[in-house]
Every structure is written in C-alpha cells, then in structure tokens.
Protein backbone atom coordinates (compact mmCIF):
# COMPACT_ATOMS: atom_id res chain seq x y z
CA UNK A 1 129.94 135.49 90.91
CA UNK A 2 128.60 138.83 90.89
CA UNK A 3 128.58 141.52 93.30
CA UNK A 4 125.35 143.47 94.01
CA UNK A 5 125.87 147.23 95.10
CA UNK A 6 123.24 149.24 97.16
CA UNK A 7 124.12 153.00 98.34
CA UNK A 8 121.88 152.94 100.53
CA UNK A 9 122.75 156.83 101.47
CA UNK A 10 121.57 157.09 97.89
CA UNK A 11 118.29 155.48 98.36
CA UNK A 12 117.42 156.84 101.87
CA UNK A 13 118.08 160.28 100.34
CA UNK A 14 115.08 159.56 97.38
CA UNK A 15 113.23 158.13 99.63
CA UNK A 16 112.68 160.62 101.92
CA UNK A 17 112.57 163.63 99.08
CA UNK A 18 109.75 161.76 97.50
CA UNK A 19 107.99 160.96 100.66
CA UNK A 20 108.61 164.90 101.40
CA UNK A 21 106.78 166.31 98.05
CA UNK A 22 104.01 163.48 98.22
CA UNK A 23 103.16 165.32 101.13
CA UNK A 24 103.77 168.19 100.17
CA UNK A 25 100.20 167.88 97.31
CA UNK A 26 97.49 169.78 98.21
CA UNK A 27 94.09 167.39 97.43
CA UNK A 28 91.42 169.89 98.66
CA UNK A 29 89.93 171.73 96.22
CA UNK A 30 89.84 175.34 96.05
CA UNK A 31 86.37 176.33 95.95
CA UNK A 32 86.34 179.56 96.32
CA UNK A 33 83.38 182.03 96.08
CA UNK A 34 82.15 180.08 93.07
CA UNK A 35 81.02 176.93 95.85
CA UNK A 36 77.65 178.73 96.32
CA UNK A 37 77.06 179.37 91.95
CA UNK A 38 74.60 176.28 90.97
CA UNK A 39 74.73 175.80 87.23
CA UNK A 40 75.16 172.17 86.23
CA UNK A 41 78.31 172.84 84.48
CA UNK A 42 79.92 174.01 87.64
CA UNK A 43 78.59 171.40 89.49
CA UNK A 44 79.91 168.56 87.80
CA UNK A 45 83.00 170.79 87.38
CA UNK A 46 83.13 170.63 91.04
CA UNK A 47 82.45 167.27 91.50
CA UNK A 48 85.56 166.18 88.72
CA UNK A 49 87.44 168.05 90.79
CA UNK A 50 86.88 166.17 94.49
CA UNK A 51 86.53 162.98 92.87
CA UNK A 52 90.81 163.71 91.67
CA UNK A 53 91.38 165.12 95.06
CA UNK A 54 89.87 161.32 96.56
CA UNK A 55 91.91 159.73 93.94
CA UNK A 56 94.94 161.75 94.25
CA UNK A 57 94.85 160.99 98.29
CA UNK A 58 94.20 157.42 97.43
CA UNK A 59 97.74 157.71 95.41
CA UNK A 60 100.22 159.23 98.19
CA UNK A 61 98.30 156.64 101.11
CA UNK A 62 99.79 153.67 98.46
CA UNK A 63 102.93 155.96 97.82
CA UNK A 64 103.76 156.37 101.30
CA UNK A 65 103.00 152.58 102.34
CA UNK A 66 105.72 151.59 99.47
CA UNK A 67 108.53 154.65 100.50
CA UNK A 68 107.88 152.71 103.75
CA UNK A 69 108.32 148.89 102.32
CA UNK A 70 111.25 150.15 100.45
CA UNK A 71 112.79 151.65 103.39
CA UNK A 72 112.54 147.93 105.53
CA UNK A 73 113.95 146.69 102.66
CA UNK A 74 116.81 149.03 102.48
CA UNK A 75 117.20 148.20 106.42
CA UNK A 76 117.05 144.19 105.83
CA UNK A 77 119.47 144.38 102.87
CA UNK A 78 122.15 146.73 104.98
CA UNK A 79 121.37 144.03 107.79
CA UNK A 80 121.59 140.89 105.76
CA UNK A 81 124.60 142.45 104.40
CA UNK A 82 126.65 142.94 107.29
CA UNK A 83 125.93 139.32 108.54
CA UNK A 84 127.56 138.03 105.42
CA UNK A 85 130.31 140.58 105.80
CA UNK A 86 131.50 139.13 109.20
CA UNK A 87 130.59 135.15 108.58
CA UNK A 88 133.21 135.98 105.84
CA UNK A 89 135.19 137.54 108.33
CA UNK A 90 135.27 134.90 110.56
CA UNK A 91 136.38 132.33 107.97
C-alpha cells in the first residue's frame, strides 16, 4: 500500500507566500503627466495598459480563490488523516 505524505506546514507557508505576493501586485496604471496628452499613440498605449491592469486584477482574484480552495483541501486532508489515524488506533 502506498502512503501519501503531506507536510502541511510547508504547503500552508507556500500558500501564504503566494497570497501575499498576489496581493502586492499593483494593478493601477501609472499615467503621470502624460495622461493629459491627446496623441493617438499615447491613447492606444494607455488603453492597453488599462486592459492589462484589468486582466491582472482578474488573475489576482482567480489566484486568491484557488489559494483559498487549496487551503481548504489541506484542512480536509488533515482532518481525514486524523480520522483515519484515530480509527487505526482503536483496532
């Protein structure tokens, strides 16, 4: 029989670090003084930056949801492991 070994402390640490990194991503475009410039190429660039910013924000939200789900899976795995271990000790 194979054994699955989960080092939950390492997994939780990685999830926390990934979550912190995702929250640190700055999605607000830096326009500065050039935001007043009406050049067509600048307008196109600013539009692209805004779209990228929106995409990044959506990605961060999806990543946070995935991290939350992974954390819940670790919790479930630990609970299942504890139940199985306590059941083995009774026999």
